[in-house]
Amino acid sequence: MVPRVRAILDTVTTERRQFERFCRSLDAEELMCPVSGTTWRVKDFISHVATLDAPYVGWFAEMTGAAETGLHRGSLDFDVDVYNEAAVAGYHDRGVKDILADAARGRAALGAVLERLEDAHLDATIRFGGDRKRPPVHLLLAQFLQGWTGHDAIHVADMLKALPERCTDPAIVAWLGRPAIAAVIGRYQQAMG
């Protein structure tokens, strides 16, 4: 495995441990809190994180020539917003333990695909399809993956909008306050308005 991919995988593994710890600490009432500015509850953000790796598996597998997978995150006709709404709805009746178990399986599958990426893949320009609030852009895969390493933290920041009493938790402050993560969260929040 190339060193840049190893660094990305190490980072997302650390971030996922923090995310899981936070999610497991939430009680039933906190999980049902609506998140302002969205149609989702706190638990829905956990479901989103758990389900988003699946469309990336196909995209990265196709990049490495491992598979022709049809509709996935890199497809021109893939609508991430439609995917997210359907995926999250499918988890409404599931508990956090089950959601996180699915997330672990998805992350393992994604990790196995990412391990096959070479420096040439990382230095290639990709099309990130955007979403309802962000237009499509072209950027280096390495840049995309570097931003993606903060995905879990981004959505913890979203969840904290519904859980202001958690914002002063020393573990959360230390995690989300690290400069690299704080920068990713800031860029995301600015883009999402």
N, C-alpha and C. Protein backbone atom coordinates (compact mmCIF):
# COMPACT_ATOMS: atom_id res chain seq x y z
N MET A 1 0.84 -1.17 0.00
CA MET A 1 0.00 0.00 0.00
C MET A 1 0.89 1.24 0.00
N VAL A 2 0.50 2.22 -0.82
CA VAL A 2 1.31 3.44 -0.89
C VAL A 2 1.15 4.24 0.41
N PRO A 3 2.19 4.94 0.83
CA PRO A 3 2.16 5.64 2.11
C PRO A 3 1.01 6.66 2.25
N ARG A 4 0.67 7.35 1.19
CA ARG A 4 -0.43 8.33 1.31
C ARG A 4 -1.76 7.65 1.58
N VAL A 5 -1.98 6.49 1.00
CA VAL A 5 -3.21 5.75 1.28
C VAL A 5 -3.18 5.24 2.71
N ARG A 6 -2.04 4.74 3.15
CA ARG A 6 -1.91 4.26 4.55
C ARG A 6 -2.26 5.39 5.52
N ALA A 7 -1.77 6.59 5.25
CA ALA A 7 -2.05 7.73 6.12
C ALA A 7 -3.54 8.07 6.13
N ILE A 8 -4.19 7.99 4.98
CA ILE A 8 -5.63 8.25 4.90
C ILE A 8 -6.40 7.20 5.69
N LEU A 9 -6.05 5.94 5.50
CA LEU A 9 -6.75 4.87 6.22
C LEU A 9 -6.52 4.96 7.72
N ASP A 10 -5.32 5.31 8.13
CA ASP A 10 -5.06 5.47 9.56
C ASP A 10 -5.91 6.60 10.13
N THR A 11 -6.02 7.69 9.39
CA THR A 11 -6.81 8.83 9.86
C THR A 11 -8.29 8.47 9.96
N VAL A 12 -8.85 7.84 8.92
CA VAL A 12 -10.29 7.53 8.99
C VAL A 12 -10.58 6.48 10.06
N THR A 13 -9.62 5.60 10.34
CA THR A 13 -9.81 4.63 11.41
C THR A 13 -9.89 5.34 12.76
N THR A 14 -9.00 6.27 12.99
CA THR A 14 -9.01 7.05 14.23
C THR A 14 -10.29 7.86 14.34
N GLU A 15 -10.68 8.51 13.25
CA GLU A 15 -11.90 9.32 13.26
C GLU A 15 -13.13 8.45 13.53
N ARG A 16 -13.17 7.27 12.95
CA ARG A 16 -14.32 6.40 13.14
C ARG A 16 -14.42 5.94 14.60
N ARG A 17 -13.29 5.67 15.23
CA ARG A 17 -13.33 5.30 16.65
C ARG A 17 -13.95 6.42 17.49
N GLN A 18 -13.56 7.65 17.21
CA GLN A 18 -14.10 8.82 17.92
C GLN A 18 -15.61 8.93 17.66
N PHE A 19 -15.98 8.77 16.40
CA PHE A 19 -17.39 8.85 16.01
C PHE A 19 -18.21 7.80 16.75
N GLU A 20 -17.75 6.57 16.74
CA GLU A 20 -18.48 5.49 17.40
C GLU A 20 -18.61 5.75 18.90
N ARG A 21 -17.54 6.21 19.51
CA ARG A 21 -17.58 6.51 20.94
C ARG A 21 -18.66 7.57 21.23
N PHE A 22 -18.69 8.61 20.41
CA PHE A 22 -19.69 9.65 20.58
C PHE A 22 -21.10 9.08 20.40
N CYS A 23 -21.31 8.33 19.35
CA CYS A 23 -22.65 7.78 19.05
C CYS A 23 -23.14 6.86 20.17
N ARG A 24 -22.25 6.04 20.68
CA ARG A 24 -22.64 5.11 21.75
C ARG A 24 -22.95 5.84 23.05
N SER A 25 -22.47 7.05 23.20
CA SER A 25 -22.71 7.80 24.43
C SER A 25 -24.08 8.48 24.45
N LEU A 26 -24.76 8.50 23.31
CA LEU A 26 -26.04 9.21 23.21
C LEU A 26 -27.17 8.36 23.78
N ASP A 27 -28.07 9.00 24.50
CA ASP A 27 -29.23 8.27 25.02
C ASP A 27 -30.38 8.35 24.00
N ALA A 28 -31.45 7.63 24.29
CA ALA A 28 -32.58 7.53 23.36
C ALA A 28 -33.18 8.90 23.05
N GLU A 29 -33.28 9.74 24.04
CA GLU A 29 -33.84 11.08 23.83
C GLU A 29 -32.94 11.92 22.92
N GLU A 30 -31.64 11.85 23.14
CA GLU A 30 -30.70 12.62 22.31
C GLU A 30 -30.75 12.14 20.86
N LEU A 31 -30.86 10.84 20.66
CA LEU A 31 -30.90 10.30 19.30
C LEU A 31 -32.09 10.82 18.51
N MET A 32 -33.18 11.14 19.18
CA MET A 32 -34.39 11.59 18.50
C MET A 32 -34.49 13.10 18.33
N CYS A 33 -33.49 13.84 18.80
CA CYS A 33 -33.53 15.30 18.69
C CYS A 33 -33.42 15.72 17.22
N PRO A 34 -34.31 16.63 16.79
CA PRO A 34 -34.19 17.15 15.42
C PRO A 34 -32.99 18.09 15.30
N VAL A 35 -32.32 18.02 14.17
CA VAL A 35 -31.15 18.87 13.91
C VAL A 35 -31.61 20.07 13.09
N SER A 36 -31.42 21.24 13.65
CA SER A 36 -31.89 22.46 12.99
C SER A 36 -31.25 22.63 11.62
N GLY A 37 -32.05 23.16 10.71
CA GLY A 37 -31.58 23.38 9.35
C GLY A 37 -31.62 22.14 8.48
N THR A 38 -32.12 21.02 9.04
CA THR A 38 -32.20 19.77 8.29
C THR A 38 -33.56 19.12 8.56
N THR A 39 -33.82 18.05 7.84
CA THR A 39 -35.02 17.26 8.10
C THR A 39 -34.68 16.02 8.92
N TRP A 40 -33.44 15.90 9.34
CA TRP A 40 -32.97 14.71 10.04
C TRP A 40 -32.90 14.91 11.54
N ARG A 41 -33.00 13.77 12.23
CA ARG A 41 -32.74 13.70 13.66
C ARG A 41 -31.27 13.31 13.86
N VAL A 42 -30.81 13.39 15.09
CA VAL A 42 -29.43 13.01 15.39
C VAL A 42 -29.14 11.60 14.86
N LYS A 43 -30.01 10.66 15.14
CA LYS A 43 -29.79 9.27 14.72
C LYS A 43 -29.68 9.15 13.20
N ASP A 44 -30.37 10.01 12.46
CA ASP A 44 -30.30 9.96 11.00
C ASP A 44 -28.90 10.28 10.50
N PHE A 45 -28.19 11.17 11.19
CA PHE A 45 -26.81 11.46 10.79
C PHE A 45 -25.92 10.25 11.03
N ILE A 46 -26.19 9.50 12.08
CA ILE A 46 -25.44 8.26 12.31
C ILE A 46 -25.71 7.29 11.17
N SER A 47 -26.96 7.16 10.78
CA SER A 47 -27.32 6.28 9.67
C SER A 47 -26.66 6.73 8.37
N HIS A 48 -26.62 8.03 8.15
CA HIS A 48 -25.97 8.56 6.93
C HIS A 48 -24.50 8.15 6.89
N VAL A 49 -23.81 8.35 8.00
CA VAL A 49 -22.39 7.97 8.04
C VAL A 49 -22.23 6.47 7.80
N ALA A 50 -23.15 5.69 8.35
CA ALA A 50 -23.07 4.23 8.21
C ALA A 50 -23.28 3.76 6.78
N THR A 51 -24.05 4.49 6.01
CA THR A 51 -24.42 4.01 4.68
C THR A 51 -23.63 4.64 3.54
N LEU A 52 -22.89 5.71 3.80
CA LEU A 52 -22.25 6.43 2.69
C LEU A 52 -21.04 5.73 2.10
N ASP A 53 -20.42 4.82 2.83
CA ASP A 53 -19.25 4.14 2.26
C ASP A 53 -19.62 3.26 1.06
N ALA A 54 -20.83 2.71 1.06
CA ALA A 54 -21.23 1.77 -0.01
C ALA A 54 -21.07 2.35 -1.41
N PRO A 55 -21.58 3.55 -1.71
CA PRO A 55 -21.41 4.05 -3.07
C PRO A 55 -19.96 4.42 -3.41
N TYR A 56 -19.13 4.61 -2.40
CA TYR A 56 -17.72 4.88 -2.67
C TYR A 56 -16.97 3.61 -3.03
N VAL A 57 -17.40 2.48 -2.52
CA VAL A 57 -16.74 1.21 -2.84
C VAL A 57 -16.74 1.00 -4.36
N GLY A 58 -17.91 1.15 -4.97
CA GLY A 58 -18.00 0.97 -6.42
C GLY A 58 -17.16 1.96 -7.19
N TRP A 59 -17.16 3.20 -6.75
CA TRP A 59 -16.41 4.26 -7.43
C TRP A 59 -14.92 3.94 -7.40
N PHE A 60 -14.38 3.66 -6.21
CA PHE A 60 -12.96 3.41 -6.11
C PHE A 60 -12.57 2.07 -6.73
N ALA A 61 -13.44 1.09 -6.67
CA ALA A 61 -13.15 -0.19 -7.33
C ALA A 61 -13.04 0.02 -8.83
N GLU A 62 -13.94 0.82 -9.37
CA GLU A 62 -13.89 1.10 -10.81
C GLU A 62 -12.61 1.84 -11.18
N MET A 63 -12.17 2.77 -10.34
CA MET A 63 -10.93 3.51 -10.60
C MET A 63 -9.73 2.59 -10.71
N THR A 64 -9.72 1.55 -9.89
CA THR A 64 -8.57 0.64 -9.88
C THR A 64 -8.71 -0.48 -10.90
N GLY A 65 -9.82 -0.47 -11.63
CA GLY A 65 -10.04 -1.50 -12.64
C GLY A 65 -10.53 -2.81 -12.05
N ALA A 66 -10.92 -2.80 -10.78
CA ALA A 66 -11.33 -4.04 -10.12
C ALA A 66 -12.73 -4.49 -10.52
N ALA A 67 -13.57 -3.53 -10.93
CA ALA A 67 -14.96 -3.91 -11.22
C ALA A 67 -15.65 -2.82 -12.02
N GLU A 68 -16.60 -3.24 -12.81
CA GLU A 68 -17.56 -2.33 -13.43
C GLU A 68 -18.81 -2.44 -12.58
N THR A 69 -19.12 -1.42 -11.86
CA THR A 69 -20.16 -1.55 -10.84
C THR A 69 -21.44 -0.77 -11.12
N GLY A 70 -21.53 -0.10 -12.24
CA GLY A 70 -22.76 0.63 -12.55
C GLY A 70 -22.90 1.90 -11.75
N LEU A 71 -24.07 2.07 -11.13
CA LEU A 71 -24.38 3.29 -10.41
C LEU A 71 -23.60 3.35 -9.09
N HIS A 72 -22.81 4.42 -8.93
CA HIS A 72 -22.04 4.63 -7.70
C HIS A 72 -21.72 6.11 -7.61
N ARG A 73 -21.02 6.50 -6.57
CA ARG A 73 -20.77 7.91 -6.27
C ARG A 73 -20.10 8.65 -7.42
N GLY A 74 -19.31 8.00 -8.21
CA GLY A 74 -18.63 8.66 -9.32
C GLY A 74 -19.42 8.72 -10.61
N SER A 75 -20.57 8.07 -10.65
CA SER A 75 -21.40 8.04 -11.86
C SER A 75 -22.04 9.41 -12.10
N LEU A 76 -22.12 9.79 -13.35
CA LEU A 76 -22.75 11.07 -13.69
C LEU A 76 -24.21 11.12 -13.27
N ASP A 77 -24.89 9.99 -13.29
CA ASP A 77 -26.32 9.99 -12.97
C ASP A 77 -26.60 9.60 -11.51
N PHE A 78 -25.57 9.52 -10.68
CA PHE A 78 -25.77 9.22 -9.26
C PHE A 78 -26.18 10.50 -8.54
N ASP A 79 -27.30 10.45 -7.84
CA ASP A 79 -27.79 11.59 -7.07
C ASP A 79 -27.59 11.27 -5.59
N VAL A 80 -26.57 11.87 -4.99
CA VAL A 80 -26.24 11.57 -3.60
C VAL A 80 -27.37 11.94 -2.65
N ASP A 81 -28.13 12.99 -2.96
CA ASP A 81 -29.22 13.39 -2.08
C ASP A 81 -30.34 12.35 -2.07
N VAL A 82 -30.68 11.84 -3.25
CA VAL A 82 -31.69 10.77 -3.33
C VAL A 82 -31.19 9.53 -2.60
N TYR A 83 -29.92 9.19 -2.83
CA TYR A 83 -29.33 8.03 -2.15
C TYR A 83 -29.39 8.21 -0.63
N ASN A 84 -28.94 9.36 -0.15
CA ASN A 84 -28.90 9.60 1.30
C ASN A 84 -30.28 9.48 1.93
N GLU A 85 -31.28 10.09 1.33
CA GLU A 85 -32.62 10.04 1.91
C GLU A 85 -33.14 8.61 1.99
N ALA A 86 -32.95 7.85 0.94
CA ALA A 86 -33.42 6.46 0.93
C ALA A 86 -32.63 5.61 1.93
N ALA A 87 -31.32 5.80 1.97
CA ALA A 87 -30.48 5.00 2.87
C ALA A 87 -30.83 5.29 4.32
N VAL A 88 -30.97 6.55 4.66
CA VAL A 88 -31.30 6.92 6.04
C VAL A 88 -32.69 6.40 6.43
N ALA A 89 -33.65 6.51 5.53
CA ALA A 89 -35.00 6.02 5.82
C ALA A 89 -34.99 4.53 6.12
N GLY A 90 -34.11 3.79 5.49
CA GLY A 90 -34.02 2.36 5.71
C GLY A 90 -33.50 1.97 7.09
N TYR A 91 -33.01 2.95 7.83
CA TYR A 91 -32.45 2.69 9.15
C TYR A 91 -33.30 3.23 10.29
N HIS A 92 -34.46 3.77 10.00
CA HIS A 92 -35.27 4.39 11.06
C HIS A 92 -35.60 3.45 12.21
N ASP A 93 -35.80 2.18 11.93
CA ASP A 93 -36.19 1.23 12.97
C ASP A 93 -35.01 0.45 13.55
N ARG A 94 -33.81 0.84 13.21
CA ARG A 94 -32.63 0.12 13.68
C ARG A 94 -32.01 0.84 14.87
N GLY A 95 -31.39 0.09 15.75
CA GLY A 95 -30.69 0.67 16.89
C GLY A 95 -29.28 1.09 16.52
N VAL A 96 -28.69 1.94 17.34
CA VAL A 96 -27.35 2.46 17.07
C VAL A 96 -26.33 1.32 16.98
N LYS A 97 -26.44 0.33 17.83
CA LYS A 97 -25.50 -0.79 17.78
C LYS A 97 -25.51 -1.46 16.41
N ASP A 98 -26.70 -1.72 15.88
CA ASP A 98 -26.82 -2.34 14.55
C ASP A 98 -26.33 -1.41 13.45
N ILE A 99 -26.65 -0.14 13.58
CA ILE A 99 -26.21 0.84 12.57
C ILE A 99 -24.68 0.88 12.52
N LEU A 100 -24.06 0.94 13.69
CA LEU A 100 -22.60 1.00 13.73
C LEU A 100 -21.96 -0.30 13.25
N ALA A 101 -22.62 -1.44 13.47
CA ALA A 101 -22.11 -2.71 12.94
C ALA A 101 -22.13 -2.69 11.41
N ASP A 102 -23.20 -2.17 10.83
CA ASP A 102 -23.24 -2.03 9.37
C ASP A 102 -22.17 -1.06 8.89
N ALA A 103 -21.98 0.01 9.64
CA ALA A 103 -20.94 0.99 9.28
C ALA A 103 -19.56 0.33 9.27
N ALA A 104 -19.30 -0.54 10.23
CA ALA A 104 -18.01 -1.23 10.29
C ALA A 104 -17.81 -2.14 9.08
N ARG A 105 -18.87 -2.84 8.68
CA ARG A 105 -18.76 -3.70 7.49
C ARG A 105 -18.51 -2.86 6.23
N GLY A 106 -19.23 -1.76 6.11
CA GLY A 106 -19.03 -0.89 4.96
C GLY A 106 -17.64 -0.29 4.92
N ARG A 107 -17.15 0.11 6.09
CA ARG A 107 -15.81 0.70 6.14
C ARG A 107 -14.74 -0.33 5.82
N ALA A 108 -14.93 -1.58 6.25
CA ALA A 108 -13.96 -2.63 5.92
C ALA A 108 -13.92 -2.87 4.41
N ALA A 109 -15.09 -2.89 3.77
CA ALA A 109 -15.14 -3.07 2.31
C ALA A 109 -14.47 -1.91 1.60
N LEU A 110 -14.73 -0.71 2.08
CA LEU A 110 -14.12 0.47 1.47
C LEU A 110 -12.61 0.46 1.68
N GLY A 111 -12.17 0.10 2.87
CA GLY A 111 -10.74 0.04 3.14
C GLY A 111 -10.02 -0.93 2.22
N ALA A 112 -10.66 -2.07 1.96
CA ALA A 112 -10.05 -3.07 1.07
C ALA A 112 -9.87 -2.52 -0.34
N VAL A 113 -10.80 -1.69 -0.78
CA VAL A 113 -10.70 -1.09 -2.11
C VAL A 113 -9.66 0.03 -2.10
N LEU A 114 -9.67 0.86 -1.07
CA LEU A 114 -8.71 1.96 -1.00
C LEU A 114 -7.28 1.46 -0.97
N GLU A 115 -7.05 0.31 -0.37
CA GLU A 115 -5.69 -0.24 -0.30
C GLU A 115 -5.10 -0.48 -1.68
N ARG A 116 -5.94 -0.63 -2.69
CA ARG A 116 -5.46 -0.88 -4.05
C ARG A 116 -5.10 0.40 -4.81
N LEU A 117 -5.42 1.56 -4.23
CA LEU A 117 -5.10 2.80 -4.91
C LEU A 117 -3.58 3.02 -4.95
N GLU A 118 -3.11 3.51 -6.07
CA GLU A 118 -1.70 3.83 -6.26
C GLU A 118 -1.54 5.35 -6.31
N ASP A 119 -0.30 5.81 -6.30
CA ASP A 119 -0.06 7.24 -6.38
C ASP A 119 -0.69 7.86 -7.62
N ALA A 120 -0.67 7.15 -8.74
CA ALA A 120 -1.27 7.67 -9.97
C ALA A 120 -2.76 7.93 -9.79
N HIS A 121 -3.45 7.07 -9.04
CA HIS A 121 -4.87 7.30 -8.77
C HIS A 121 -5.04 8.56 -7.92
N LEU A 122 -4.22 8.69 -6.89
CA LEU A 122 -4.33 9.83 -5.99
C LEU A 122 -4.05 11.15 -6.70
N ASP A 123 -3.20 11.11 -7.72
CA ASP A 123 -2.83 12.32 -8.44
C ASP A 123 -3.72 12.60 -9.65
N ALA A 124 -4.71 11.74 -9.85
CA ALA A 124 -5.64 11.92 -10.98
C ALA A 124 -6.76 12.89 -10.58
N THR A 125 -7.24 13.61 -11.57
CA THR A 125 -8.37 14.51 -11.37
C THR A 125 -9.67 13.72 -11.45
N ILE A 126 -10.53 13.95 -10.48
CA ILE A 126 -11.83 13.28 -10.44
C ILE A 126 -12.93 14.33 -10.50
N ARG A 127 -14.11 13.87 -10.79
CA ARG A 127 -15.29 14.74 -10.73
C ARG A 127 -16.07 14.37 -9.48
N PHE A 128 -16.17 15.33 -8.55
CA PHE A 128 -17.02 15.15 -7.37
C PHE A 128 -18.37 15.75 -7.74
N GLY A 129 -19.40 14.92 -7.71
CA GLY A 129 -20.70 15.30 -8.24
C GLY A 129 -21.48 16.34 -7.49
N GLY A 130 -21.02 16.75 -6.32
CA GLY A 130 -21.74 17.75 -5.56
C GLY A 130 -23.03 17.21 -4.96
N ASP A 131 -23.88 18.10 -4.53
CA ASP A 131 -25.17 17.75 -3.95
C ASP A 131 -26.10 18.95 -4.07
N ARG A 132 -27.20 18.94 -3.33
CA ARG A 132 -28.17 20.04 -3.45
C ARG A 132 -27.58 21.41 -3.16
N LYS A 133 -26.58 21.46 -2.32
CA LYS A 133 -26.03 22.74 -1.90
C LYS A 133 -24.65 23.04 -2.46
N ARG A 134 -24.00 22.03 -3.05
CA ARG A 134 -22.65 22.24 -3.58
C ARG A 134 -22.60 21.79 -5.03
N PRO A 135 -22.03 22.62 -5.89
CA PRO A 135 -21.95 22.24 -7.31
C PRO A 135 -20.88 21.18 -7.53
N PRO A 136 -20.98 20.47 -8.65
CA PRO A 136 -19.91 19.52 -8.99
C PRO A 136 -18.58 20.27 -9.16
N VAL A 137 -17.50 19.59 -8.82
CA VAL A 137 -16.17 20.19 -8.98
C VAL A 137 -15.21 19.11 -9.47
N HIS A 138 -14.12 19.56 -10.05
CA HIS A 138 -13.03 18.66 -10.41
C HIS A 138 -11.87 18.95 -9.46
N LEU A 139 -11.30 17.89 -8.91
CA LEU A 139 -10.18 18.02 -8.00
C LEU A 139 -9.38 16.73 -8.00
N LEU A 140 -8.20 16.79 -7.40
CA LEU A 140 -7.39 15.59 -7.31
C LEU A 140 -8.03 14.62 -6.32
N LEU A 141 -7.95 13.33 -6.61
CA LEU A 141 -8.49 12.34 -5.69
C LEU A 141 -7.86 12.49 -4.31
N ALA A 142 -6.56 12.78 -4.24
CA ALA A 142 -5.90 12.95 -2.95
C ALA A 142 -6.54 14.09 -2.15
N GLN A 143 -6.90 15.18 -2.82
CA GLN A 143 -7.57 16.29 -2.13
C GLN A 143 -8.94 15.86 -1.62
N PHE A 144 -9.68 15.16 -2.46
CA PHE A 144 -11.00 14.68 -2.05
C PHE A 144 -10.87 13.79 -0.81
N LEU A 145 -9.95 12.83 -0.86
CA LEU A 145 -9.80 11.90 0.25
C LEU A 145 -9.36 12.61 1.53
N GLN A 146 -8.52 13.61 1.38
CA GLN A 146 -8.09 14.36 2.57
C GLN A 146 -9.28 15.03 3.23
N GLY A 147 -10.17 15.63 2.45
CA GLY A 147 -11.39 16.21 3.01
C GLY A 147 -12.31 15.16 3.58
N TRP A 148 -12.38 14.02 2.90
CA TRP A 148 -13.26 12.93 3.34
C TRP A 148 -12.85 12.37 4.69
N THR A 149 -11.59 12.50 5.06
CA THR A 149 -11.15 11.99 6.36
C THR A 149 -11.88 12.68 7.51
N GLY A 150 -12.45 13.85 7.26
CA GLY A 150 -13.19 14.56 8.30
C GLY A 150 -14.69 14.35 8.24
N HIS A 151 -15.16 13.44 7.39
CA HIS A 151 -16.60 13.25 7.20
C HIS A 151 -17.33 12.92 8.50
N ASP A 152 -16.78 12.01 9.29
CA ASP A 152 -17.44 11.64 10.54
C ASP A 152 -17.55 12.84 11.47
N ALA A 153 -16.46 13.58 11.60
CA ALA A 153 -16.45 14.75 12.48
C ALA A 153 -17.42 15.84 11.99
N ILE A 154 -17.50 16.01 10.68
CA ILE A 154 -18.44 16.98 10.11
C ILE A 154 -19.85 16.71 10.61
N HIS A 155 -20.21 15.45 10.62
CA HIS A 155 -21.59 15.14 10.99
C HIS A 155 -21.78 15.08 12.51
N VAL A 156 -20.72 14.91 13.26
CA VAL A 156 -20.85 15.12 14.71
C VAL A 156 -21.12 16.60 14.96
N ALA A 157 -20.43 17.47 14.24
CA ALA A 157 -20.70 18.91 14.37
C ALA A 157 -22.16 19.22 14.03
N ASP A 158 -22.70 18.54 13.01
CA ASP A 158 -24.12 18.71 12.70
C ASP A 158 -24.99 18.27 13.87
N MET A 159 -24.68 17.10 14.42
CA MET A 159 -25.48 16.57 15.52
C MET A 159 -25.43 17.48 16.74
N LEU A 160 -24.30 18.13 16.95
CA LEU A 160 -24.16 19.01 18.11
C LEU A 160 -25.09 20.22 18.04
N LYS A 161 -25.58 20.54 16.86
CA LYS A 161 -26.56 21.63 16.74
C LYS A 161 -27.82 21.29 17.53
N ALA A 162 -28.12 20.01 17.64
CA ALA A 162 -29.29 19.55 18.40
C ALA A 162 -28.94 19.22 19.84
N LEU A 163 -27.66 19.18 20.15
CA LEU A 163 -27.20 18.74 21.47
C LEU A 163 -26.22 19.76 22.06
N PRO A 164 -26.65 20.99 22.26
CA PRO A 164 -25.71 22.03 22.71
C PRO A 164 -25.00 21.72 24.02
N GLU A 165 -25.64 20.93 24.89
CA GLU A 165 -25.01 20.57 26.16
C GLU A 165 -23.78 19.69 25.96
N ARG A 166 -23.68 19.05 24.80
CA ARG A 166 -22.52 18.20 24.49
C ARG A 166 -21.34 18.99 23.95
N CYS A 167 -21.56 20.22 23.54
CA CYS A 167 -20.52 21.03 22.89
C CYS A 167 -19.33 21.33 23.80
N THR A 168 -19.52 21.26 25.11
CA THR A 168 -18.42 21.55 26.03
C THR A 168 -17.75 20.29 26.56
N ASP A 169 -18.18 19.13 26.10
CA ASP A 169 -17.56 17.88 26.53
C ASP A 169 -16.08 17.92 26.11
N PRO A 170 -15.17 17.76 27.08
CA PRO A 170 -13.74 17.87 26.77
C PRO A 170 -13.26 16.96 25.63
N ALA A 171 -13.80 15.74 25.56
CA ALA A 171 -13.39 14.83 24.48
C ALA A 171 -13.84 15.35 23.12
N ILE A 172 -15.05 15.89 23.07
CA ILE A 172 -15.56 16.45 21.81
C ILE A 172 -14.78 17.70 21.42
N VAL A 173 -14.54 18.57 22.39
CA VAL A 173 -13.78 19.80 22.13
C VAL A 173 -12.40 19.46 21.59
N ALA A 174 -11.74 18.49 22.22
CA ALA A 174 -10.40 18.10 21.77
C ALA A 174 -10.43 17.49 20.37
N TRP A 175 -11.43 16.64 20.11
CA TRP A 175 -11.53 15.99 18.81
C TRP A 175 -11.82 16.99 17.70
N LEU A 176 -12.90 17.73 17.84
CA LEU A 176 -13.32 18.64 16.77
C LEU A 176 -12.47 19.90 16.70
N GLY A 177 -11.72 20.18 17.75
CA GLY A 177 -10.90 21.39 17.77
C GLY A 177 -9.53 21.24 17.15
N ARG A 178 -9.15 20.02 16.79
CA ARG A 178 -7.85 19.86 16.12
C ARG A 178 -7.85 20.67 14.83
N PRO A 179 -6.77 21.37 14.53
CA PRO A 179 -6.78 22.27 13.38
C PRO A 179 -7.24 21.66 12.05
N ALA A 180 -6.75 20.48 11.73
CA ALA A 180 -7.13 19.87 10.45
C ALA A 180 -8.62 19.57 10.40
N ILE A 181 -9.16 19.03 11.50
CA ILE A 181 -10.58 18.69 11.54
C ILE A 181 -11.43 19.96 11.59
N ALA A 182 -11.02 20.91 12.39
CA ALA A 182 -11.76 22.18 12.49
C ALA A 182 -11.83 22.86 11.12
N ALA A 183 -10.75 22.78 10.35
CA ALA A 183 -10.74 23.39 9.01
C ALA A 183 -11.72 22.70 8.07
N VAL A 184 -11.74 21.36 8.11
CA VAL A 184 -12.67 20.61 7.26
C VAL A 184 -14.11 20.94 7.65
N ILE A 185 -14.41 20.96 8.94
CA ILE A 185 -15.75 21.28 9.40
C ILE A 185 -16.14 22.69 8.96
N GLY A 186 -15.22 23.63 9.12
CA GLY A 186 -15.49 25.02 8.72
C GLY A 186 -15.79 25.15 7.25
N ARG A 187 -15.01 24.49 6.40
CA ARG A 187 -15.26 24.54 4.95
C ARG A 187 -16.61 23.93 4.61
N TYR A 188 -16.94 22.81 5.25
CA TYR A 188 -18.22 22.15 4.99
C TYR A 188 -19.38 23.05 5.42
N GLN A 189 -19.30 23.60 6.61
CA GLN A 189 -20.39 24.43 7.10
C GLN A 189 -20.56 25.68 6.23
N GLN A 190 -19.48 26.24 5.77
CA GLN A 190 -19.57 27.40 4.88
C GLN A 190 -20.23 27.01 3.55
N ALA A 191 -19.85 25.87 3.01
CA ALA A 191 -20.43 25.41 1.74
C ALA A 191 -21.90 25.09 1.87
N MET A 192 -22.29 24.56 3.02
CA MET A 192 -23.69 24.16 3.21
C MET A 192 -24.57 25.32 3.65
N GLY A 193 -23.96 26.45 3.96
CA GLY A 193 -24.73 27.65 4.31
C GLY A 193 -25.24 27.59 5.65
